[in-house]
Structure formats: structure tokens, C-alpha cells
Amino acid sequence: MLMNKKNIYLIGLMGAGKTTVGRLLAKSLSVPFYDSDKAIEDITGVDIATIFEFEGEKGFRIRENKMIKELTELEDIVLATGGGVILNAENRARLKENGFVVYLQCSVDRIVDRTSRNSQRPLLNVDSPREKIQTLLNERECLYQSCADLVIDSGQIQSKVAVKEILKEYMSRLN
């Protein structure tokens, strides 16, 4: 299916590699890279964990929805989204309407390994991060799949290989 959508949006659980792959994609395409969580932090002046602490997940999701609306209005960008962006139907619609959506799928074990080194993951400040990640994956997998134009297993391949696969599919669909 040919498309005229030039943006690339990366979705997937925290720790799936969206930011790493996104930066490499943007560099390869010579376009700006955005990370929706980083953009929220830049505007608020505080980190995501602080927003969760004072506003809860609901308050964060309101900010996230507003940021996704703004970022999906831009053209010729690569955007790494927050892991829960697909929980909102408006966000899913905006992503699908305005860009090529890539789901970076990753195993629970790999995500646990990647996120265990980062204390700035508010949803993982629980007794059993592995159990929480599995629950999040169970809740979100069908939403990620339904929103994606392409699924890449980012836990099994190096980021540079993922970028090559994404670019190959992306370029084949441009009209």
C-alpha cells in the first residue's frame, strides 16, 4: 500500500528501544527526532517521575495527549512515543493518520534487563517490575498491533539492523 505519510512514529513498551532506534532513523533520514516524554519534560521543567508523583498517571496522560496532538501536526519527523500513548483512541488515530507507525516489540525479559538500570520509570516503582511489565504488555499488545504499519522485534536484533528494516519497508511504501 502506497502512502504519502512521511512521519515515522515508534510505539512499544518502555525499554523497547524507541529512543535509540528513533535517533538512528532520524539521522539516516536527515529529519528532526522527537521523544514525546522528553518534550513533556522540556515544557514542564520536571521529569516524568515527578509528574506521576504530583499528578498521577491520569495527569500525565492528559499532558501526553496534548503533546501527541502537537507533535503529530509536524511534518517530516521521527517520533518516539511513550509506552502508554496507544491507550488513548485519539492518539492511536492521530498516529495512524499522520505517519508510518512502527511497533518495536520486545520480550519481557529484555525489557526487564534494559529498564532495571533506570530508576526514572514511574510505572516500574513496584515490588515486581517483571510482573508489571508482563501486565502492561498483556493490556497493550493488541493496541500496539492494531496501530502498527510494521512490527519489528527490537529485542532480537541490533538497533542498526532494526533501522535498516524499518527504512526498507518505509521507503517501499512511499509514493
N, C-alpha and C. Protein backbone atom coordinates (compact mmCIF):
# COMPACT_ATOMS: atom_id res chain seq x y z
N MET A 1 0.84 -1.18 0.00
CA MET A 1 0.00 0.00 0.00
C MET A 1 0.89 1.25 0.00
N LEU A 2 0.71 2.10 -0.98
CA LEU A 2 1.49 3.34 -1.04
C LEU A 2 0.92 4.35 -0.07
N MET A 3 1.76 5.22 0.42
CA MET A 3 1.32 6.23 1.37
C MET A 3 2.03 7.54 1.09
N ASN A 4 1.43 8.61 1.55
CA ASN A 4 2.09 9.90 1.43
C ASN A 4 2.45 10.45 2.82
N LYS A 5 2.35 9.60 3.82
CA LYS A 5 2.71 9.99 5.19
C LYS A 5 4.22 9.88 5.33
N LYS A 6 4.85 10.97 5.70
CA LYS A 6 6.31 10.96 5.77
C LYS A 6 6.86 10.82 7.18
N ASN A 7 6.02 11.03 8.19
CA ASN A 7 6.49 10.88 9.56
C ASN A 7 6.62 9.41 9.92
N ILE A 8 7.57 9.12 10.80
CA ILE A 8 7.69 7.77 11.35
C ILE A 8 7.47 7.88 12.86
N TYR A 9 6.51 7.10 13.35
CA TYR A 9 6.19 7.08 14.77
C TYR A 9 6.54 5.72 15.34
N LEU A 10 7.28 5.71 16.42
CA LEU A 10 7.67 4.46 17.08
C LEU A 10 6.84 4.26 18.33
N ILE A 11 6.22 3.07 18.42
CA ILE A 11 5.42 2.73 19.59
C ILE A 11 5.98 1.44 20.20
N GLY A 12 5.63 1.19 21.44
CA GLY A 12 6.07 -0.02 22.12
C GLY A 12 6.27 0.25 23.60
N LEU A 13 6.47 -0.80 24.35
CA LEU A 13 6.67 -0.66 25.79
C LEU A 13 7.96 0.10 26.10
N MET A 14 8.01 0.65 27.31
CA MET A 14 9.25 1.27 27.78
C MET A 14 10.38 0.25 27.66
N GLY A 15 11.54 0.71 27.26
CA GLY A 15 12.68 -0.19 27.15
C GLY A 15 12.75 -0.98 25.86
N ALA A 16 11.82 -0.74 24.94
CA ALA A 16 11.82 -1.48 23.67
C ALA A 16 12.85 -0.94 22.69
N GLY A 17 13.38 0.26 22.96
CA GLY A 17 14.39 0.84 22.08
C GLY A 17 13.90 1.96 21.20
N LYS A 18 12.75 2.54 21.53
CA LYS A 18 12.17 3.58 20.68
C LYS A 18 13.08 4.79 20.52
N THR A 19 13.66 5.25 21.60
CA THR A 19 14.52 6.44 21.53
C THR A 19 15.80 6.14 20.77
N THR A 20 16.42 5.03 21.05
CA THR A 20 17.66 4.65 20.36
C THR A 20 17.43 4.48 18.87
N VAL A 21 16.43 3.70 18.51
CA VAL A 21 16.12 3.46 17.09
C VAL A 21 15.66 4.76 16.44
N GLY A 22 14.87 5.54 17.16
CA GLY A 22 14.37 6.80 16.62
C GLY A 22 15.48 7.77 16.25
N ARG A 23 16.45 7.91 17.12
CA ARG A 23 17.58 8.81 16.83
C ARG A 23 18.34 8.34 15.58
N LEU A 24 18.56 7.04 15.48
CA LEU A 24 19.26 6.50 14.31
C LEU A 24 18.45 6.69 13.03
N LEU A 25 17.14 6.48 13.12
CA LEU A 25 16.27 6.69 11.95
C LEU A 25 16.32 8.14 11.49
N ALA A 26 16.16 9.05 12.44
CA ALA A 26 16.16 10.48 12.11
C ALA A 26 17.48 10.89 11.46
N LYS A 27 18.57 10.38 11.99
CA LYS A 27 19.89 10.68 11.41
C LYS A 27 19.98 10.14 9.98
N SER A 28 19.51 8.92 9.77
CA SER A 28 19.55 8.32 8.44
C SER A 28 18.71 9.10 7.43
N LEU A 29 17.60 9.65 7.89
CA LEU A 29 16.69 10.39 7.01
C LEU A 29 16.97 11.89 6.99
N SER A 30 17.88 12.34 7.83
CA SER A 30 18.20 13.77 7.98
C SER A 30 16.94 14.59 8.30
N VAL A 31 16.19 14.09 9.28
CA VAL A 31 14.99 14.79 9.75
C VAL A 31 15.08 14.94 11.27
N PRO A 32 14.28 15.85 11.84
CA PRO A 32 14.32 16.02 13.29
C PRO A 32 13.78 14.80 14.04
N PHE A 33 14.35 14.56 15.21
CA PHE A 33 13.89 13.49 16.10
C PHE A 33 13.22 14.12 17.32
N TYR A 34 12.08 13.57 17.69
CA TYR A 34 11.37 13.99 18.89
C TYR A 34 11.08 12.77 19.75
N ASP A 35 11.12 12.98 21.04
CA ASP A 35 10.71 11.97 22.02
C ASP A 35 9.59 12.63 22.82
N SER A 36 8.39 12.08 22.79
CA SER A 36 7.25 12.75 23.42
C SER A 36 7.46 12.93 24.93
N ASP A 37 8.05 11.96 25.60
CA ASP A 37 8.31 12.10 27.03
C ASP A 37 9.31 13.23 27.30
N LYS A 38 10.35 13.30 26.50
CA LYS A 38 11.36 14.36 26.65
C LYS A 38 10.73 15.73 26.38
N ALA A 39 9.85 15.80 25.39
CA ALA A 39 9.18 17.06 25.07
C ALA A 39 8.31 17.52 26.24
N ILE A 40 7.63 16.58 26.89
CA ILE A 40 6.82 16.91 28.07
C ILE A 40 7.73 17.41 29.19
N GLU A 41 8.86 16.75 29.40
CA GLU A 41 9.81 17.18 30.43
C GLU A 41 10.34 18.57 30.14
N ASP A 42 10.64 18.84 28.87
CA ASP A 42 11.18 20.15 28.50
C ASP A 42 10.16 21.26 28.77
N ILE A 43 8.89 21.00 28.48
CA ILE A 43 7.86 22.02 28.67
C ILE A 43 7.54 22.23 30.15
N THR A 44 7.48 21.14 30.91
CA THR A 44 7.11 21.26 32.33
C THR A 44 8.29 21.63 33.22
N GLY A 45 9.49 21.30 32.77
CA GLY A 45 10.67 21.57 33.58
C GLY A 45 10.93 20.53 34.65
N VAL A 46 10.16 19.44 34.62
CA VAL A 46 10.36 18.34 35.58
C VAL A 46 10.33 17.02 34.84
N ASP A 47 10.87 15.97 35.48
CA ASP A 47 10.88 14.67 34.82
C ASP A 47 9.52 13.97 34.94
N ILE A 48 9.35 12.93 34.15
CA ILE A 48 8.09 12.19 34.11
C ILE A 48 7.75 11.63 35.48
N ALA A 49 8.75 11.14 36.21
CA ALA A 49 8.50 10.59 37.55
C ALA A 49 7.87 11.62 38.47
N THR A 50 8.31 12.87 38.36
CA THR A 50 7.75 13.94 39.20
C THR A 50 6.31 14.23 38.80
N ILE A 51 6.03 14.23 37.51
CA ILE A 51 4.65 14.44 37.05
C ILE A 51 3.76 13.33 37.62
N PHE A 52 4.21 12.09 37.54
CA PHE A 52 3.45 10.97 38.10
C PHE A 52 3.24 11.16 39.60
N GLU A 53 4.27 11.62 40.29
CA GLU A 53 4.18 11.79 41.74
C GLU A 53 3.13 12.81 42.13
N PHE A 54 3.07 13.93 41.40
CA PHE A 54 2.16 15.01 41.78
C PHE A 54 0.81 14.97 41.07
N GLU A 55 0.76 14.43 39.86
CA GLU A 55 -0.48 14.44 39.10
C GLU A 55 -1.04 13.05 38.85
N GLY A 56 -0.26 12.03 39.16
CA GLY A 56 -0.70 10.66 38.89
C GLY A 56 -0.61 10.33 37.41
N GLU A 57 -0.91 9.08 37.10
CA GLU A 57 -0.86 8.67 35.69
C GLU A 57 -1.90 9.43 34.87
N LYS A 58 -3.06 9.70 35.46
CA LYS A 58 -4.12 10.41 34.73
C LYS A 58 -3.64 11.80 34.29
N GLY A 59 -2.99 12.52 35.21
CA GLY A 59 -2.48 13.84 34.88
C GLY A 59 -1.42 13.78 33.80
N PHE A 60 -0.56 12.77 33.89
CA PHE A 60 0.47 12.60 32.86
C PHE A 60 -0.17 12.32 31.51
N ARG A 61 -1.18 11.44 31.47
CA ARG A 61 -1.81 11.08 30.19
C ARG A 61 -2.47 12.30 29.54
N ILE A 62 -3.01 13.20 30.33
CA ILE A 62 -3.58 14.44 29.77
C ILE A 62 -2.49 15.24 29.08
N ARG A 63 -1.36 15.38 29.74
CA ARG A 63 -0.22 16.10 29.14
C ARG A 63 0.28 15.37 27.89
N GLU A 64 0.35 14.05 27.97
CA GLU A 64 0.82 13.26 26.84
C GLU A 64 -0.10 13.43 25.63
N ASN A 65 -1.40 13.39 25.85
CA ASN A 65 -2.36 13.53 24.74
C ASN A 65 -2.18 14.88 24.04
N LYS A 66 -2.00 15.93 24.83
CA LYS A 66 -1.79 17.27 24.26
C LYS A 66 -0.49 17.30 23.45
N MET A 67 0.56 16.70 23.98
CA MET A 67 1.85 16.69 23.29
C MET A 67 1.77 15.90 21.99
N ILE A 68 1.09 14.76 22.00
CA ILE A 68 0.96 13.95 20.78
C ILE A 68 0.20 14.74 19.72
N LYS A 69 -0.82 15.46 20.12
CA LYS A 69 -1.57 16.29 19.16
C LYS A 69 -0.62 17.30 18.50
N GLU A 70 0.20 17.96 19.30
CA GLU A 70 1.14 18.95 18.76
C GLU A 70 2.19 18.31 17.85
N LEU A 71 2.77 17.22 18.31
CA LEU A 71 3.86 16.60 17.55
C LEU A 71 3.38 15.95 16.25
N THR A 72 2.17 15.42 16.24
CA THR A 72 1.67 14.78 15.01
C THR A 72 1.24 15.81 13.97
N GLU A 73 1.21 17.07 14.33
CA GLU A 73 0.93 18.13 13.36
C GLU A 73 2.20 18.55 12.60
N LEU A 74 3.36 18.14 13.10
CA LEU A 74 4.62 18.43 12.43
C LEU A 74 4.79 17.50 11.23
N GLU A 75 5.65 17.89 10.30
CA GLU A 75 5.89 17.07 9.11
C GLU A 75 7.36 16.69 9.02
N ASP A 76 7.61 15.53 8.42
CA ASP A 76 8.97 15.03 8.19
C ASP A 76 9.76 14.91 9.50
N ILE A 77 9.22 14.12 10.41
CA ILE A 77 9.89 13.89 11.70
C ILE A 77 9.90 12.40 12.01
N VAL A 78 10.74 12.05 12.97
CA VAL A 78 10.69 10.73 13.61
C VAL A 78 10.32 11.00 15.06
N LEU A 79 9.32 10.28 15.56
CA LEU A 79 8.83 10.48 16.92
C LEU A 79 8.83 9.17 17.70
N ALA A 80 9.52 9.18 18.83
CA ALA A 80 9.45 8.07 19.78
C ALA A 80 8.39 8.44 20.80
N THR A 81 7.37 7.62 20.91
CA THR A 81 6.26 7.91 21.82
C THR A 81 6.47 7.22 23.16
N GLY A 82 5.72 7.66 24.16
CA GLY A 82 5.71 6.97 25.44
C GLY A 82 5.00 5.64 25.29
N GLY A 83 5.33 4.69 26.15
CA GLY A 83 4.78 3.35 26.04
C GLY A 83 3.27 3.26 26.12
N GLY A 84 2.64 4.19 26.84
CA GLY A 84 1.19 4.14 27.01
C GLY A 84 0.41 5.02 26.06
N VAL A 85 1.07 5.59 25.07
CA VAL A 85 0.41 6.52 24.16
C VAL A 85 -0.79 5.88 23.46
N ILE A 86 -0.73 4.59 23.23
CA ILE A 86 -1.78 3.90 22.48
C ILE A 86 -3.02 3.62 23.33
N LEU A 87 -2.98 3.93 24.62
CA LEU A 87 -4.14 3.72 25.48
C LEU A 87 -5.28 4.67 25.13
N ASN A 88 -4.95 5.79 24.49
CA ASN A 88 -5.94 6.80 24.11
C ASN A 88 -6.30 6.64 22.64
N ALA A 89 -7.59 6.47 22.35
CA ALA A 89 -8.05 6.25 20.98
C ALA A 89 -7.70 7.42 20.06
N GLU A 90 -7.77 8.65 20.57
CA GLU A 90 -7.41 9.82 19.75
C GLU A 90 -5.94 9.76 19.36
N ASN A 91 -5.09 9.37 20.28
CA ASN A 91 -3.67 9.24 19.97
C ASN A 91 -3.45 8.20 18.88
N ARG A 92 -4.09 7.05 19.02
CA ARG A 92 -3.94 5.99 18.01
C ARG A 92 -4.37 6.51 16.64
N ALA A 93 -5.49 7.21 16.59
CA ALA A 93 -5.99 7.74 15.32
C ALA A 93 -5.02 8.76 14.73
N ARG A 94 -4.50 9.65 15.56
CA ARG A 94 -3.54 10.66 15.07
C ARG A 94 -2.28 10.01 14.51
N LEU A 95 -1.77 9.03 15.23
CA LEU A 95 -0.56 8.35 14.77
C LEU A 95 -0.81 7.68 13.42
N LYS A 96 -1.88 6.92 13.32
CA LYS A 96 -2.17 6.19 12.08
C LYS A 96 -2.45 7.14 10.92
N GLU A 97 -3.12 8.24 11.21
CA GLU A 97 -3.50 9.19 10.16
C GLU A 97 -2.31 9.98 9.63
N ASN A 98 -1.36 10.27 10.50
CA ASN A 98 -0.30 11.21 10.14
C ASN A 98 1.08 10.61 9.95
N GLY A 99 1.20 9.29 10.05
CA GLY A 99 2.54 8.74 9.90
C GLY A 99 2.57 7.24 9.70
N PHE A 100 3.78 6.75 9.51
CA PHE A 100 4.08 5.33 9.37
C PHE A 100 4.41 4.85 10.78
N VAL A 101 3.59 3.96 11.32
CA VAL A 101 3.70 3.55 12.72
C VAL A 101 4.44 2.23 12.82
N VAL A 102 5.53 2.24 13.59
CA VAL A 102 6.35 1.04 13.79
C VAL A 102 6.26 0.62 15.25
N TYR A 103 5.83 -0.61 15.45
CA TYR A 103 5.77 -1.19 16.80
C TYR A 103 7.07 -1.93 17.06
N LEU A 104 7.84 -1.43 18.01
CA LEU A 104 9.06 -2.12 18.43
C LEU A 104 8.67 -3.11 19.53
N GLN A 105 8.53 -4.34 19.13
CA GLN A 105 8.12 -5.41 20.03
C GLN A 105 9.36 -5.95 20.74
N CYS A 106 9.21 -6.30 22.00
CA CYS A 106 10.36 -6.75 22.76
C CYS A 106 9.89 -7.68 23.87
N SER A 107 10.69 -8.67 24.19
CA SER A 107 10.31 -9.63 25.22
C SER A 107 10.35 -8.98 26.61
N VAL A 108 9.57 -9.54 27.50
CA VAL A 108 9.55 -9.06 28.89
C VAL A 108 10.95 -9.16 29.50
N ASP A 109 11.64 -10.27 29.26
CA ASP A 109 12.99 -10.43 29.82
C ASP A 109 13.93 -9.33 29.36
N ARG A 110 13.89 -9.02 28.08
CA ARG A 110 14.77 -7.98 27.53
C ARG A 110 14.41 -6.61 28.11
N ILE A 111 13.12 -6.34 28.24
CA ILE A 111 12.69 -5.05 28.81
C ILE A 111 13.12 -4.94 30.27
N VAL A 112 12.95 -6.01 31.03
CA VAL A 112 13.39 -6.00 32.43
C VAL A 112 14.88 -5.70 32.49
N ASP A 113 15.66 -6.33 31.63
CA ASP A 113 17.10 -6.11 31.60
C ASP A 113 17.42 -4.65 31.27
N ARG A 114 16.75 -4.10 30.28
CA ARG A 114 17.03 -2.73 29.85
C ARG A 114 16.57 -1.69 30.86
N THR A 115 15.43 -1.92 31.49
CA THR A 115 14.87 -0.90 32.39
C THR A 115 15.38 -1.01 33.82
N SER A 116 16.02 -2.10 34.17
CA SER A 116 16.49 -2.29 35.55
C SER A 116 17.59 -1.30 35.91
N ARG A 117 18.21 -0.70 34.92
CA ARG A 117 19.28 0.26 35.16
C ARG A 117 18.77 1.70 35.25
N ASN A 118 17.44 1.87 35.16
CA ASN A 118 16.88 3.22 35.12
C ASN A 118 15.81 3.37 36.21
N SER A 119 16.06 4.26 37.15
CA SER A 119 15.10 4.47 38.24
C SER A 119 14.03 5.49 37.89
N GLN A 120 14.08 6.04 36.68
CA GLN A 120 13.12 7.07 36.28
C GLN A 120 11.91 6.50 35.54
N ARG A 121 11.52 5.31 35.84
CA ARG A 121 10.36 4.66 35.23
C ARG A 121 9.27 4.54 36.28
N PRO A 122 8.37 5.53 36.38
CA PRO A 122 7.39 5.54 37.47
C PRO A 122 6.49 4.31 37.52
N LEU A 123 6.15 3.74 36.38
CA LEU A 123 5.29 2.57 36.39
C LEU A 123 6.00 1.32 36.92
N LEU A 124 7.33 1.39 37.02
CA LEU A 124 8.09 0.24 37.50
C LEU A 124 8.54 0.37 38.95
N ASN A 125 8.07 1.41 39.62
CA ASN A 125 8.39 1.56 41.04
C ASN A 125 7.44 0.68 41.86
N VAL A 126 7.57 -0.62 41.65
CA VAL A 126 6.72 -1.62 42.29
C VAL A 126 7.61 -2.76 42.79
N ASP A 127 7.03 -3.65 43.58
CA ASP A 127 7.79 -4.78 44.13
C ASP A 127 8.29 -5.73 43.05
N SER A 128 7.47 -5.94 42.02
CA SER A 128 7.85 -6.89 40.97
C SER A 128 7.77 -6.23 39.58
N PRO A 129 8.85 -5.56 39.16
CA PRO A 129 8.85 -4.92 37.84
C PRO A 129 8.54 -5.90 36.71
N ARG A 130 9.04 -7.13 36.80
CA ARG A 130 8.79 -8.12 35.74
C ARG A 130 7.28 -8.37 35.60
N GLU A 131 6.62 -8.55 36.72
CA GLU A 131 5.17 -8.79 36.71
C GLU A 131 4.44 -7.58 36.13
N LYS A 132 4.87 -6.38 36.50
CA LYS A 132 4.25 -5.16 35.99
C LYS A 132 4.44 -5.05 34.48
N ILE A 133 5.63 -5.32 33.99
CA ILE A 133 5.89 -5.27 32.55
C ILE A 133 5.02 -6.29 31.82
N GLN A 134 4.91 -7.49 32.37
CA GLN A 134 4.06 -8.51 31.74
C GLN A 134 2.60 -8.05 31.71
N THR A 135 2.13 -7.45 32.78
CA THR A 135 0.76 -6.93 32.83
C THR A 135 0.55 -5.84 31.78
N LEU A 136 1.50 -4.91 31.70
CA LEU A 136 1.41 -3.83 30.70
C LEU A 136 1.38 -4.41 29.29
N LEU A 137 2.23 -5.38 29.03
CA LEU A 137 2.27 -6.00 27.71
C LEU A 137 0.94 -6.69 27.41
N ASN A 138 0.41 -7.42 28.37
CA ASN A 138 -0.87 -8.10 28.17
C ASN A 138 -1.99 -7.10 27.86
N GLU A 139 -1.98 -5.96 28.55
CA GLU A 139 -3.01 -4.93 28.37
C GLU A 139 -2.86 -4.20 27.04
N ARG A 140 -1.64 -4.05 26.55
CA ARG A 140 -1.39 -3.15 25.41
C ARG A 140 -1.09 -3.84 24.09
N GLU A 141 -0.72 -5.10 24.11
CA GLU A 141 -0.26 -5.79 22.89
C GLU A 141 -1.23 -5.62 21.73
N CYS A 142 -2.52 -5.86 21.95
CA CYS A 142 -3.47 -5.77 20.84
C CYS A 142 -3.59 -4.34 20.32
N LEU A 143 -3.42 -3.35 21.20
CA LEU A 143 -3.46 -1.95 20.76
C LEU A 143 -2.23 -1.60 19.93
N TYR A 144 -1.07 -2.06 20.37
CA TYR A 144 0.15 -1.85 19.58
C TYR A 144 -0.01 -2.48 18.20
N GLN A 145 -0.45 -3.72 18.17
CA GLN A 145 -0.59 -4.44 16.90
C GLN A 145 -1.58 -3.75 15.97
N SER A 146 -2.71 -3.30 16.51
CA SER A 146 -3.74 -2.69 15.66
C SER A 146 -3.32 -1.34 15.12
N CYS A 147 -2.43 -0.67 15.81
CA CYS A 147 -1.98 0.66 15.39
C CYS A 147 -0.80 0.60 14.42
N ALA A 148 -0.07 -0.50 14.43
CA ALA A 148 1.20 -0.58 13.69
C ALA A 148 1.03 -0.86 12.21
N ASP A 149 1.86 -0.18 11.41
CA ASP A 149 2.02 -0.49 9.99
C ASP A 149 3.10 -1.55 9.82
N LEU A 150 4.00 -1.63 10.79
CA LEU A 150 5.13 -2.56 10.75
C LEU A 150 5.48 -2.96 12.19
N VAL A 151 5.78 -4.24 12.38
CA VAL A 151 6.21 -4.74 13.68
C VAL A 151 7.65 -5.25 13.55
N ILE A 152 8.52 -4.77 14.42
CA ILE A 152 9.93 -5.17 14.43
C ILE A 152 10.24 -5.73 15.82
N ASP A 153 10.89 -6.88 15.88
CA ASP A 153 11.31 -7.44 17.17
C ASP A 153 12.63 -6.80 17.57
N SER A 154 12.53 -5.73 18.33
CA SER A 154 13.72 -4.96 18.71
C SER A 154 14.55 -5.64 19.80
N GLY A 155 14.03 -6.70 20.37
CA GLY A 155 14.78 -7.41 21.39
C GLY A 155 15.72 -8.46 20.81
N GLN A 156 15.50 -8.82 19.55
CA GLN A 156 16.28 -9.89 18.93
C GLN A 156 17.34 -9.39 17.95
N ILE A 157 17.26 -8.11 17.57
CA ILE A 157 18.21 -7.58 16.59
C ILE A 157 18.84 -6.29 17.12
N GLN A 158 19.98 -5.94 16.58
CA GLN A 158 20.65 -4.70 16.96
C GLN A 158 19.87 -3.51 16.41
N SER A 159 20.01 -2.38 17.06
CA SER A 159 19.29 -1.17 16.65
C SER A 159 19.55 -0.80 15.20
N LYS A 160 20.81 -0.92 14.76
CA LYS A 160 21.15 -0.56 13.38
C LYS A 160 20.44 -1.47 12.38
N VAL A 161 20.27 -2.73 12.73
CA VAL A 161 19.56 -3.67 11.86
C VAL A 161 18.07 -3.31 11.84
N ALA A 162 17.52 -2.96 12.99
CA ALA A 162 16.12 -2.54 13.06
C ALA A 162 15.89 -1.32 12.17
N VAL A 163 16.81 -0.37 12.22
CA VAL A 163 16.70 0.83 11.39
C VAL A 163 16.69 0.46 9.92
N LYS A 164 17.57 -0.42 9.50
CA LYS A 164 17.61 -0.84 8.08
C LYS A 164 16.30 -1.48 7.67
N GLU A 165 15.74 -2.34 8.52
CA GLU A 165 14.47 -2.99 8.21
C GLU A 165 13.33 -1.98 8.11
N ILE A 166 13.31 -1.04 9.04
CA ILE A 166 12.27 -0.01 9.03
C ILE A 166 12.39 0.85 7.78
N LEU A 167 13.60 1.30 7.47
CA LEU A 167 13.80 2.15 6.29
C LEU A 167 13.41 1.42 5.01
N LYS A 168 13.75 0.15 4.90
CA LYS A 168 13.40 -0.62 3.71
C LYS A 168 11.88 -0.65 3.51
N GLU A 169 11.15 -0.95 4.57
CA GLU A 169 9.69 -1.02 4.48
C GLU A 169 9.08 0.37 4.27
N TYR A 170 9.59 1.35 4.97
CA TYR A 170 9.11 2.73 4.86
C TYR A 170 9.29 3.25 3.44
N MET A 171 10.48 3.08 2.88
CA MET A 171 10.75 3.56 1.52
C MET A 171 9.90 2.84 0.49
N SER A 172 9.64 1.56 0.70
CA SER A 172 8.84 0.81 -0.27
C SER A 172 7.39 1.27 -0.29
N ARG A 173 6.95 1.94 0.77
CA ARG A 173 5.55 2.37 0.85
C ARG A 173 5.34 3.82 0.45
N LEU A 174 6.41 4.59 0.33
CA LEU A 174 6.25 5.99 -0.07
C LEU A 174 5.80 6.07 -1.52
N ASN A 175 4.95 7.06 -1.80
CA ASN A 175 4.53 7.23 -3.20
C ASN A 175 5.11 8.50 -3.77
